[in-house]
Amino acid sequence: MSVFIGGAWPYANGSLHLGHIAALLPGDILARYYRLKGEKVLYASGSDCNGTPISIRANAEGVSVKEIADRYHTEFIVCFSRLGFSYDIYTRTDGRFHHQVVRNVFLTLLDRGFIFKKEVEQTYCEFDERFLPDRFVEGVCPYCGSRARGDQCDNCGSILDPLDLTERTCKLCGNEPTVRKTEHFYFKLSAFQDELDKYVASASAEGRWRDNAIHQSERYLREGLRDRAASRDLANGVGIPVRGYEDKKVYVWIEAVTGYYSASQEWAALNRVDFEEFWNEETVSYYVHGKD
C-alpha cells in the first residue's frame, strides 16, 4: 500500500514557534508508524514562499520577497533537521517545478470550464497606487463585529471578501482604500455542491474527520458554496498562464494546495520513482494541519 502524508506548509515570513511544531509533529509520527509497518510512504511538505504574508514582511523590512523567503526557508530546514523530522521531500513553492505544475493545473481547470473570467470590484489603494490583496485589507467583520482580514474572520470563521468589511483600511499605509473594477479568474466551486455534500456526509458517518472540521464544512455547504477568486493582483506567486493576464497571480488557496501534487511529482523525478504507480486507487492520503 502507498501512503501519502502531507504536512502543513509554514509561511516563510517568520521563525517557527512551538505551535508550528505541535501542528506538524503528528504528520511525522504517522510517517514513522507506516514506515515501521513496511508501507511505501511519501511524507511531503515545504515552505510557502508565495502570497501576501511574505510581501508584508518584505515591505516592513525594506527588502525583496526572495530575501525573506530564502532566509526563513533555510531556517526551517535547519530546525526540522535538528528536531529529527523525517520528510521524504521538503520543498518550496517559489521553485520552477512547482510553478509549472500549478500552471498546468490552472490550464486544465480552465479548459474543463471550472475556471472562468469575471469583472469584479476590488479594493484599490490610491496612496500606494495598487490593487490590494485580500490580506492587505483589514476592517470589521459584518457578521460578528470583530476585527478581521479581507479573506476571513478568525473570530467567527466566516469566509470574506474585502468588500464585505466595514471600516476598511489598507494594511500598508492605514488609509481607506477605494473600489475599482478589474477582471479576474474565478473557480466554479458551486459546481461541486452536491458532490461535496455527499463526501462530507460520508466522512461524518465513517468518523474520519474531527467534529470541528465536520461542523465547519457543513456550515459552508448549508450556506451554499460560492464561486471563489482564482487569481489576484499579487507581487509574488505563480503568474496566470493566459495571454494578457501574466501580471496577475494564481490565488494562493489554489496554488499552495497544489503543492502536495507538485511535491509528489518533484519527489518522483528526483528519486526516479514511477509517479503513477505510487498514486493509484489504493493510495491512502493524510493531510495533517494541526488539531483539525
C-alpha atoms as a PDB file:
ATOM      1  CA  MET A   1       0.000   0.000   0.000  1.00  0.00           C
ATOM      2  CA  SER A   2       1.187   3.535  -0.796  1.00  0.00           C
ATOM      3  CA  VAL A   3       0.688   6.164   1.900  1.00  0.00           C
ATOM      4  CA  PHE A   4       0.959   9.897   1.235  1.00  0.00           C
ATOM      5  CA  ILE A   5       1.242  12.248   4.212  1.00  0.00           C
ATOM      6  CA  GLY A   6       1.072  15.982   3.590  1.00  0.00           C
ATOM      7  CA  GLY A   7       2.131  18.327   6.377  1.00  0.00           C
ATOM      8  CA  ALA A   8       1.064  21.958   6.620  1.00  0.00           C
ATOM      9  CA  TRP A   9       3.258  24.412   4.690  1.00  0.00           C
ATOM     10  CA  PRO A  10       4.666  27.078   7.038  1.00  0.00           C
ATOM     11  CA  TYR A  11       4.753  30.601   5.625  1.00  0.00           C
ATOM     12  CA  ALA A  12       8.328  31.733   5.050  1.00  0.00           C
ATOM     13  CA  ASN A  13       7.714  35.099   6.704  1.00  0.00           C
ATOM     14  CA  GLY A  14       8.884  34.443  10.270  1.00  0.00           C
ATOM     15  CA  SER A  15      10.582  31.956  12.553  1.00  0.00           C
ATOM     16  CA  LEU A  16       8.935  28.727  13.673  1.00  0.00           C
ATOM     17  CA  HIS A  17       7.498  28.627  17.177  1.00  0.00           C
ATOM     18  CA  LEU A  18       6.232  25.849  19.443  1.00  0.00           C
ATOM     19  CA  GLY A  19       2.747  25.988  17.914  1.00  0.00           C
ATOM     20  CA  HIS A  20       4.152  25.175  14.469  1.00  0.00           C
ATOM     21  CA  ILE A  21       5.910  22.107  15.835  1.00  0.00           C
ATOM     22  CA  ALA A  22       2.788  20.943  17.684  1.00  0.00           C
ATOM     23  CA  ALA A  23       0.811  21.201  14.447  1.00  0.00           C
ATOM     24  CA  LEU A  24       3.420  19.475  12.280  1.00  0.00           C
ATOM     25  CA  LEU A  25       4.694  16.722  14.589  1.00  0.00           C
ATOM     26  CA  PRO A  26       1.650  14.388  14.183  1.00  0.00           C
ATOM     27  CA  GLY A  27       2.467  14.012  10.478  1.00  0.00           C
ATOM     28  CA  ASP A  28       5.992  12.874  11.275  1.00  0.00           C
ATOM     29  CA  ILE A  29       4.706  10.369  13.833  1.00  0.00           C
ATOM     30  CA  LEU A  30       2.251   9.000  11.263  1.00  0.00           C
ATOM     31  CA  ALA A  31       5.001   8.660   8.645  1.00  0.00           C
ATOM     32  CA  ARG A  32       7.255   6.758  11.040  1.00  0.00           C
ATOM     33  CA  TYR A  33       4.365   4.468  12.015  1.00  0.00           C
ATOM     34  CA  TYR A  34       3.639   3.446   8.430  1.00  0.00           C
ATOM     35  CA  ARG A  35       7.316   3.007   7.599  1.00  0.00           C
ATOM     36  CA  LEU A  36       7.639   0.602  10.558  1.00  0.00           C
ATOM     37  CA  LYS A  37       4.693  -1.338   9.117  1.00  0.00           C
ATOM     38  CA  GLY A  38       6.609  -1.707   5.859  1.00  0.00           C
ATOM     39  CA  GLU A  39       4.375   0.528   3.723  1.00  0.00           C
ATOM     40  CA  LYS A  40       5.611   2.758   0.898  1.00  0.00           C
ATOM     41  CA  VAL A  41       5.491   6.251   2.443  1.00  0.00           C
ATOM     42  CA  LEU A  42       5.827   9.695   0.943  1.00  0.00           C
ATOM     43  CA  TYR A  43       5.904  12.384   3.625  1.00  0.00           C
ATOM     44  CA  ALA A  44       5.931  15.779   1.914  1.00  0.00           C
ATOM     45  CA  SER A  45       5.766  19.447   2.762  1.00  0.00           C
ATOM     46  CA  GLY A  46       7.644  22.661   2.134  1.00  0.00           C
ATOM     47  CA  SER A  47       7.883  26.376   2.757  1.00  0.00           C
ATOM     48  CA  ASP A  48       5.079  28.560   1.414  1.00  0.00           C
ATOM     49  CA  CYS A  49       7.123  31.309  -0.245  1.00  0.00           C
ATOM     50  CA  ASN A  50       4.314  32.974  -2.212  1.00  0.00           C
ATOM     51  CA  GLY A  51       1.450  35.243  -1.258  1.00  0.00           C
ATOM     52  CA  THR A  52       0.703  38.169   0.976  1.00  0.00           C
ATOM     53  CA  PRO A  53       2.386  37.336   4.338  1.00  0.00           C
ATOM     54  CA  ILE A  54       5.831  37.264   2.743  1.00  0.00           C
ATOM     55  CA  SER A  55       5.152  40.530   0.900  1.00  0.00           C
ATOM     56  CA  ILE A  56       4.061  42.204   4.139  1.00  0.00           C
ATOM     57  CA  ARG A  57       7.299  41.157   5.875  1.00  0.00           C
ATOM     58  CA  ALA A  58       9.418  42.260   2.919  1.00  0.00           C
ATOM     59  CA  ASN A  59       7.695  45.660   2.821  1.00  0.00           C
ATOM     60  CA  ALA A  60       8.190  46.113   6.561  1.00  0.00           C
ATOM     61  CA  GLU A  61      11.941  45.381   6.318  1.00  0.00           C
ATOM     62  CA  GLY A  62      12.508  47.155   3.010  1.00  0.00           C
ATOM     63  CA  VAL A  63      13.990  44.069   1.337  1.00  0.00           C
ATOM     64  CA  SER A  64      12.994  41.788  -1.525  1.00  0.00           C
ATOM     65  CA  VAL A  65      10.456  38.997  -1.233  1.00  0.00           C
ATOM     66  CA  LYS A  66      13.139  36.486  -2.269  1.00  0.00           C
ATOM     67  CA  GLU A  67      15.426  37.586   0.554  1.00  0.00           C
ATOM     68  CA  ILE A  68      12.679  36.933   3.111  1.00  0.00           C
ATOM     69  CA  ALA A  69      11.723  33.585   1.575  1.00  0.00           C
ATOM     70  CA  ASP A  70      15.350  32.405   1.366  1.00  0.00           C
ATOM     71  CA  ARG A  71      16.063  33.430   4.963  1.00  0.00           C
ATOM     72  CA  TYR A  72      13.187  31.565   6.545  1.00  0.00           C
ATOM     73  CA  HIS A  73      13.205  28.554   4.211  1.00  0.00           C
ATOM     74  CA  THR A  74      16.838  27.948   5.181  1.00  0.00           C
ATOM     75  CA  GLU A  75      15.981  28.429   8.849  1.00  0.00           C
ATOM     76  CA  PHE A  76      13.091  25.942   8.584  1.00  0.00           C
ATOM     77  CA  ILE A  77      15.311  23.279   7.022  1.00  0.00           C
ATOM     78  CA  VAL A  78      17.861  23.658   9.829  1.00  0.00           C
ATOM     79  CA  CYS A  79      15.149  23.490  12.513  1.00  0.00           C
ATOM     80  CA  PHE A  80      13.462  20.410  11.055  1.00  0.00           C
ATOM     81  CA  SER A  81      16.817  18.664  10.677  1.00  0.00           C
ATOM     82  CA  ARG A  82      17.833  19.382  14.268  1.00  0.00           C
ATOM     83  CA  LEU A  83      14.418  18.245  15.525  1.00  0.00           C
ATOM     84  CA  GLY A  84      14.715  14.987  13.571  1.00  0.00           C
ATOM     85  CA  PHE A  85      11.756  15.406  11.201  1.00  0.00           C
ATOM     86  CA  SER A  86      11.734  12.677   8.543  1.00  0.00           C
ATOM     87  CA  TYR A  87      10.349  14.414   5.439  1.00  0.00           C
ATOM     88  CA  ASP A  88      10.916  12.479   2.221  1.00  0.00           C
ATOM     89  CA  ILE A  89      10.813  15.842   0.474  1.00  0.00           C
ATOM     90  CA  TYR A  90      10.722  19.336   1.911  1.00  0.00           C
ATOM     91  CA  THR A  91      10.494  21.811  -0.955  1.00  0.00           C
ATOM     92  CA  ARG A  92       9.316  25.387  -1.582  1.00  0.00           C
ATOM     93  CA  THR A  93       6.513  26.994  -3.572  1.00  0.00           C
ATOM     94  CA  ASP A  94       8.661  29.510  -5.451  1.00  0.00           C
ATOM     95  CA  GLY A  95      10.591  26.817  -7.327  1.00  0.00           C
ATOM     96  CA  ARG A  96      10.294  26.261 -11.085  1.00  0.00           C
ATOM     97  CA  PHE A  97       8.904  22.727 -10.668  1.00  0.00           C
ATOM     98  CA  HIS A  98       6.009  23.904  -8.509  1.00  0.00           C
ATOM     99  CA  HIS A  99       5.235  26.868 -10.763  1.00  0.00           C
ATOM    100  CA  GLN A 100       4.995  24.660 -13.857  1.00  0.00           C
ATOM    101  CA  VAL A 101       2.697  22.126 -12.183  1.00  0.00           C
ATOM    102  CA  VAL A 102       0.406  24.900 -10.896  1.00  0.00           C
ATOM    103  CA  ARG A 103       0.200  26.453 -14.365  1.00  0.00           C
ATOM    104  CA  ASN A 104      -0.711  23.064 -15.860  1.00  0.00           C
ATOM    105  CA  VAL A 105      -3.444  22.514 -13.250  1.00  0.00           C
ATOM    106  CA  PHE A 106      -4.836  26.018 -13.851  1.00  0.00           C
ATOM    107  CA  LEU A 107      -4.987  25.491 -17.609  1.00  0.00           C
ATOM    108  CA  THR A 108      -6.658  22.084 -17.178  1.00  0.00           C
ATOM    109  CA  LEU A 109      -9.365  23.596 -14.956  1.00  0.00           C
ATOM    110  CA  LEU A 110      -9.807  26.454 -17.441  1.00  0.00           C
ATOM    111  CA  ASP A 111     -10.106  24.009 -20.357  1.00  0.00           C
ATOM    112  CA  ARG A 112     -12.739  21.977 -18.486  1.00  0.00           C
ATOM    113  CA  GLY A 113     -14.869  25.009 -17.681  1.00  0.00           C
ATOM    114  CA  PHE A 114     -14.191  25.113 -13.941  1.00  0.00           C
ATOM    115  CA  ILE A 115     -12.355  28.452 -14.186  1.00  0.00           C
ATOM    116  CA  PHE A 116     -13.922  31.484 -15.860  1.00  0.00           C
ATOM    117  CA  LYS A 117     -13.285  35.228 -16.231  1.00  0.00           C
ATOM    118  CA  LYS A 118     -15.384  37.758 -14.346  1.00  0.00           C
ATOM    119  CA  GLU A 119     -15.338  41.547 -13.944  1.00  0.00           C
ATOM    120  CA  VAL A 120     -15.382  42.408 -10.244  1.00  0.00           C
ATOM    121  CA  GLU A 121     -14.945  45.322  -7.897  1.00  0.00           C
ATOM    122  CA  GLN A 122     -11.744  45.236  -5.859  1.00  0.00           C
ATOM    123  CA  THR A 123     -10.178  47.430  -3.214  1.00  0.00           C
ATOM    124  CA  TYR A 124      -7.527  49.826  -4.522  1.00  0.00           C
ATOM    125  CA  CYS A 125      -5.149  51.989  -2.503  1.00  0.00           C
ATOM    126  CA  GLU A 126      -4.797  55.444  -4.055  1.00  0.00           C
ATOM    127  CA  PHE A 127      -1.785  56.216  -1.828  1.00  0.00           C
ATOM    128  CA  ASP A 128       0.173  53.060  -2.743  1.00  0.00           C
ATOM    129  CA  GLU A 129      -1.274  53.014  -6.277  1.00  0.00           C
ATOM    130  CA  ARG A 130      -2.089  49.306  -6.333  1.00  0.00           C
ATOM    131  CA  PHE A 131      -4.914  46.813  -6.066  1.00  0.00           C
ATOM    132  CA  LEU A 132      -4.815  45.265  -2.608  1.00  0.00           C
ATOM    133  CA  PRO A 133      -4.581  41.521  -1.965  1.00  0.00           C
ATOM    134  CA  ASP A 134      -7.259  40.317   0.461  1.00  0.00           C
ATOM    135  CA  ARG A 135      -4.912  40.194   3.456  1.00  0.00           C
ATOM    136  CA  PHE A 136      -3.762  43.751   2.796  1.00  0.00           C
ATOM    137  CA  VAL A 137      -7.267  44.922   3.737  1.00  0.00           C
ATOM    138  CA  GLU A 138      -8.474  44.951   7.341  1.00  0.00           C
ATOM    139  CA  GLY A 139     -11.758  46.070   8.852  1.00  0.00           C
ATOM    140  CA  VAL A 140     -14.801  44.979  10.824  1.00  0.00           C
ATOM    141  CA  CYS A 141     -16.489  41.632  10.147  1.00  0.00           C
ATOM    142  CA  PRO A 142     -20.130  42.190   9.078  1.00  0.00           C
ATOM    143  CA  TYR A 143     -21.248  39.017  10.875  1.00  0.00           C
ATOM    144  CA  CYS A 144     -19.717  39.273  14.354  1.00  0.00           C
ATOM    145  CA  GLY A 145     -18.263  42.786  14.571  1.00  0.00           C
ATOM    146  CA  SER A 146     -14.692  41.637  15.263  1.00  0.00           C
ATOM    147  CA  ARG A 147     -11.594  42.947  13.516  1.00  0.00           C
ATOM    148  CA  ALA A 148     -10.905  40.771  10.514  1.00  0.00           C
ATOM    149  CA  ARG A 149      -8.737  40.393   7.428  1.00  0.00           C
ATOM    150  CA  GLY A 150     -10.140  40.662   3.941  1.00  0.00           C
ATOM    151  CA  ASP A 151     -10.124  36.899   3.353  1.00  0.00           C
ATOM    152  CA  GLN A 152     -11.707  35.556   6.548  1.00  0.00           C
ATOM    153  CA  CYS A 153     -12.732  36.331  10.115  1.00  0.00           C
ATOM    154  CA  ASP A 154     -10.720  34.311  12.628  1.00  0.00           C
ATOM    155  CA  ASN A 155     -13.308  35.015  15.340  1.00  0.00           C
ATOM    156  CA  CYS A 156     -16.452  33.575  13.704  1.00  0.00           C
ATOM    157  CA  GLY A 157     -14.892  31.606  10.844  1.00  0.00           C
ATOM    158  CA  SER A 158     -16.734  33.450   8.069  1.00  0.00           C
ATOM    159  CA  ILE A 159     -15.180  33.397   4.598  1.00  0.00           C
ATOM    160  CA  LEU A 160     -14.980  37.021   3.475  1.00  0.00           C
ATOM    161  CA  ASP A 161     -14.255  39.287   0.558  1.00  0.00           C
ATOM    162  CA  PRO A 162     -12.545  42.625   1.339  1.00  0.00           C
ATOM    163  CA  LEU A 163     -15.682  44.458   0.221  1.00  0.00           C
ATOM    164  CA  ASP A 164     -17.668  42.649   2.936  1.00  0.00           C
ATOM    165  CA  LEU A 165     -15.721  44.519   5.620  1.00  0.00           C
ATOM    166  CA  THR A 166     -16.805  47.827   7.092  1.00  0.00           C
ATOM    167  CA  GLU A 167     -14.324  50.498   8.223  1.00  0.00           C
ATOM    168  CA  ARG A 168     -11.792  49.177   5.704  1.00  0.00           C
ATOM    169  CA  THR A 169      -8.136  50.217   5.935  1.00  0.00           C
ATOM    170  CA  CYS A 170      -5.046  49.434   3.874  1.00  0.00           C
ATOM    171  CA  LYS A 171      -2.550  47.412   5.894  1.00  0.00           C
ATOM    172  CA  LEU A 172       0.338  49.111   4.106  1.00  0.00           C
ATOM    173  CA  CYS A 173      -0.467  52.767   4.802  1.00  0.00           C
ATOM    174  CA  GLY A 174      -3.548  52.802   7.048  1.00  0.00           C
ATOM    175  CA  ASN A 175      -5.649  54.817   4.609  1.00  0.00           C
ATOM    176  CA  GLU A 176      -9.145  53.861   3.496  1.00  0.00           C
ATOM    177  CA  PRO A 177      -8.994  52.107   0.107  1.00  0.00           C
ATOM    178  CA  THR A 178     -11.279  52.968  -2.782  1.00  0.00           C
ATOM    179  CA  VAL A 179     -13.061  50.482  -5.067  1.00  0.00           C
ATOM    180  CA  ARG A 180     -12.210  49.901  -8.720  1.00  0.00           C
ATOM    181  CA  LYS A 181     -13.363  47.436 -11.354  1.00  0.00           C
ATOM    182  CA  THR A 182     -10.934  44.811 -12.633  1.00  0.00           C
ATOM    183  CA  GLU A 183     -11.110  41.395 -14.294  1.00  0.00           C
ATOM    184  CA  HIS A 184     -10.166  38.178 -12.526  1.00  0.00           C
ATOM    185  CA  PHE A 185     -10.484  34.442 -12.929  1.00  0.00           C
ATOM    186  CA  TYR A 186     -12.915  32.553 -10.700  1.00  0.00           C
ATOM    187  CA  PHE A 187     -13.139  28.876  -9.728  1.00  0.00           C
ATOM    188  CA  LYS A 188     -16.613  27.359 -10.106  1.00  0.00           C
ATOM    189  CA  LEU A 189     -16.795  25.914  -6.586  1.00  0.00           C
ATOM    190  CA  SER A 190     -20.603  25.976  -6.728  1.00  0.00           C
ATOM    191  CA  ALA A 191     -20.494  23.174  -9.322  1.00  0.00           C
ATOM    192  CA  PHE A 192     -19.297  20.785  -6.600  1.00  0.00           C
ATOM    193  CA  GLN A 193     -22.119  21.422  -4.078  1.00  0.00           C
ATOM    194  CA  ASP A 194     -23.840  18.030  -4.449  1.00  0.00           C
ATOM    195  CA  GLU A 195     -20.599  16.061  -4.666  1.00  0.00           C
ATOM    196  CA  LEU A 196     -19.152  17.694  -1.546  1.00  0.00           C
ATOM    197  CA  ASP A 197     -22.446  17.287   0.347  1.00  0.00           C
ATOM    198  CA  LYS A 198     -22.138  13.527  -0.136  1.00  0.00           C
ATOM    199  CA  TYR A 199     -18.414  13.499   0.621  1.00  0.00           C
ATOM    200  CA  VAL A 200     -18.745  15.377   3.922  1.00  0.00           C
ATOM    201  CA  ALA A 201     -21.748  13.232   4.942  1.00  0.00           C
ATOM    202  CA  SER A 202     -19.653  10.129   4.272  1.00  0.00           C
ATOM    203  CA  ALA A 203     -16.692  11.471   6.265  1.00  0.00           C
ATOM    204  CA  SER A 204     -19.033  12.256   9.160  1.00  0.00           C
ATOM    205  CA  ALA A 205     -20.755   8.864   9.096  1.00  0.00           C
ATOM    206  CA  GLU A 206     -17.462   6.967   8.990  1.00  0.00           C
ATOM    207  CA  GLY A 207     -15.838   9.081  11.710  1.00  0.00           C
ATOM    208  CA  ARG A 208     -12.877  10.020   9.506  1.00  0.00           C
ATOM    209  CA  TRP A 209     -12.861  13.724  10.395  1.00  0.00           C
ATOM    210  CA  ARG A 210     -12.876  15.572  13.689  1.00  0.00           C
ATOM    211  CA  ASP A 211     -16.111  17.237  14.788  1.00  0.00           C
ATOM    212  CA  ASN A 212     -14.807  20.758  14.236  1.00  0.00           C
ATOM    213  CA  ALA A 213     -13.874  20.030  10.606  1.00  0.00           C
ATOM    214  CA  ILE A 214     -17.265  18.375  10.002  1.00  0.00           C
ATOM    215  CA  HIS A 215     -19.260  21.243  11.508  1.00  0.00           C
ATOM    216  CA  GLN A 216     -17.299  23.917   9.640  1.00  0.00           C
ATOM    217  CA  SER A 217     -17.711  22.090   6.329  1.00  0.00           C
ATOM    218  CA  GLU A 218     -21.428  21.524   6.933  1.00  0.00           C
ATOM    219  CA  ARG A 219     -21.844  25.218   7.646  1.00  0.00           C
ATOM    220  CA  TYR A 220     -20.277  26.258   4.328  1.00  0.00           C
ATOM    221  CA  LEU A 221     -22.399  23.708   2.463  1.00  0.00           C
ATOM    222  CA  ARG A 222     -25.557  24.821   4.253  1.00  0.00           C
ATOM    223  CA  GLU A 223     -24.867  28.440   3.311  1.00  0.00           C
ATOM    224  CA  GLY A 224     -24.273  27.364  -0.295  1.00  0.00           C
ATOM    225  CA  LEU A 225     -20.860  27.134  -1.921  1.00  0.00           C
ATOM    226  CA  ARG A 226     -19.842  30.335  -3.691  1.00  0.00           C
ATOM    227  CA  ASP A 227     -17.530  30.609  -6.664  1.00  0.00           C
ATOM    228  CA  ARG A 228     -14.136  31.778  -5.422  1.00  0.00           C
ATOM    229  CA  ALA A 229     -11.477  34.030  -6.927  1.00  0.00           C
ATOM    230  CA  ALA A 230      -8.745  32.013  -8.647  1.00  0.00           C
ATOM    231  CA  SER A 231      -6.476  34.976  -9.396  1.00  0.00           C
ATOM    232  CA  ARG A 232      -5.290  38.030  -7.507  1.00  0.00           C
ATOM    233  CA  ASP A 233      -3.096  41.094  -8.059  1.00  0.00           C
ATOM    234  CA  LEU A 234      -0.061  39.963  -6.063  1.00  0.00           C
ATOM    235  CA  ALA A 235       3.603  40.904  -6.094  1.00  0.00           C
ATOM    236  CA  ASN A 236       4.840  37.319  -5.839  1.00  0.00           C
ATOM    237  CA  GLY A 237       3.429  33.958  -6.846  1.00  0.00           C
ATOM    238  CA  VAL A 238       2.641  31.881  -9.922  1.00  0.00           C
ATOM    239  CA  GLY A 239       1.768  34.043 -12.918  1.00  0.00           C
ATOM    240  CA  ILE A 240      -1.519  33.357 -14.714  1.00  0.00           C
ATOM    241  CA  PRO A 241      -0.617  31.345 -17.863  1.00  0.00           C
ATOM    242  CA  VAL A 242      -3.074  33.237 -20.091  1.00  0.00           C
ATOM    243  CA  ARG A 243      -2.031  35.936 -22.547  1.00  0.00           C
ATOM    244  CA  GLY A 244      -2.821  39.394 -21.228  1.00  0.00           C
ATOM    245  CA  TYR A 245      -3.068  38.253 -17.601  1.00  0.00           C
ATOM    246  CA  GLU A 246       0.570  37.390 -16.858  1.00  0.00           C
ATOM    247  CA  ASP A 247       0.880  40.121 -14.197  1.00  0.00           C
ATOM    248  CA  LYS A 248      -1.868  38.538 -12.114  1.00  0.00           C
ATOM    249  CA  LYS A 249      -1.091  35.552  -9.911  1.00  0.00           C
ATOM    250  CA  VAL A 250      -2.854  32.259  -9.148  1.00  0.00           C
ATOM    251  CA  TYR A 251      -4.644  32.795  -5.837  1.00  0.00           C
ATOM    252  CA  VAL A 252      -2.745  31.139  -3.009  1.00  0.00           C
ATOM    253  CA  TRP A 253      -5.638  28.926  -1.834  1.00  0.00           C
ATOM    254  CA  ILE A 254      -5.428  27.097  -5.186  1.00  0.00           C
ATOM    255  CA  GLU A 255      -1.700  27.450  -5.701  1.00  0.00           C
ATOM    256  CA  ALA A 256      -0.469  26.338  -2.265  1.00  0.00           C
ATOM    257  CA  VAL A 257      -2.754  23.297  -2.021  1.00  0.00           C
ATOM    258  CA  THR A 258      -1.445  22.176  -5.416  1.00  0.00           C
ATOM    259  CA  GLY A 259       1.909  21.971  -3.634  1.00  0.00           C
ATOM    260  CA  TYR A 260       1.115  18.453  -2.438  1.00  0.00           C
ATOM    261  CA  TYR A 261       0.669  17.353  -6.041  1.00  0.00           C
ATOM    262  CA  SER A 262       3.762  19.201  -7.280  1.00  0.00           C
ATOM    263  CA  ALA A 263       5.896  17.978  -4.353  1.00  0.00           C
ATOM    264  CA  SER A 264       4.851  14.399  -5.137  1.00  0.00           C
ATOM    265  CA  GLN A 265       5.925  14.803  -8.744  1.00  0.00           C
ATOM    266  CA  GLU A 266       9.180  16.506  -7.738  1.00  0.00           C
ATOM    267  CA  TRP A 267       9.963  13.659  -5.312  1.00  0.00           C
ATOM    268  CA  ALA A 268       9.254  11.087  -8.026  1.00  0.00           C
ATOM    269  CA  ALA A 269      11.512  12.898 -10.507  1.00  0.00           C
ATOM    270  CA  LEU A 270      14.365  13.278  -8.000  1.00  0.00           C
ATOM    271  CA  ASN A 271      14.196   9.620  -6.932  1.00  0.00           C
ATOM    272  CA  ARG A 272      13.324   8.110 -10.326  1.00  0.00           C
ATOM    273  CA  VAL A 273      10.092   6.698  -8.968  1.00  0.00           C
ATOM    274  CA  ASP A 274       7.050   5.967 -11.144  1.00  0.00           C
ATOM    275  CA  PHE A 275       4.651   8.729 -10.079  1.00  0.00           C
ATOM    276  CA  GLU A 276       1.574   6.990 -11.491  1.00  0.00           C
ATOM    277  CA  GLU A 277       2.494   3.752  -9.741  1.00  0.00           C
ATOM    278  CA  PHE A 278       2.729   5.472  -6.342  1.00  0.00           C
ATOM    279  CA  TRP A 279      -0.504   7.444  -6.816  1.00  0.00           C
ATOM    280  CA  ASN A 280      -3.210   4.909  -7.639  1.00  0.00           C
ATOM    281  CA  GLU A 281      -6.717   3.988  -6.461  1.00  0.00           C
ATOM    282  CA  GLU A 282      -5.291   2.130  -3.456  1.00  0.00           C
ATOM    283  CA  THR A 283      -3.151   5.035  -2.220  1.00  0.00           C
ATOM    284  CA  VAL A 284      -4.158   6.356   1.210  1.00  0.00           C
ATOM    285  CA  SER A 285      -3.507  10.038   1.864  1.00  0.00           C
ATOM    286  CA  TYR A 286      -3.443  12.090   5.060  1.00  0.00           C
ATOM    287  CA  TYR A 287      -3.238  15.880   5.333  1.00  0.00           C
ATOM    288  CA  VAL A 288      -2.081  16.909   8.788  1.00  0.00           C
ATOM    289  CA  HIS A 289      -2.918  20.512   9.684  1.00  0.00           C
ATOM    290  CA  GLY A 290      -2.776  20.795  13.422  1.00  0.00           C
ATOM    291  CA  LYS A 291      -5.645  19.883  15.711  1.00  0.00           C
ATOM    292  CA  ASP A 292      -8.263  19.770  12.920  1.00  0.00           C
END
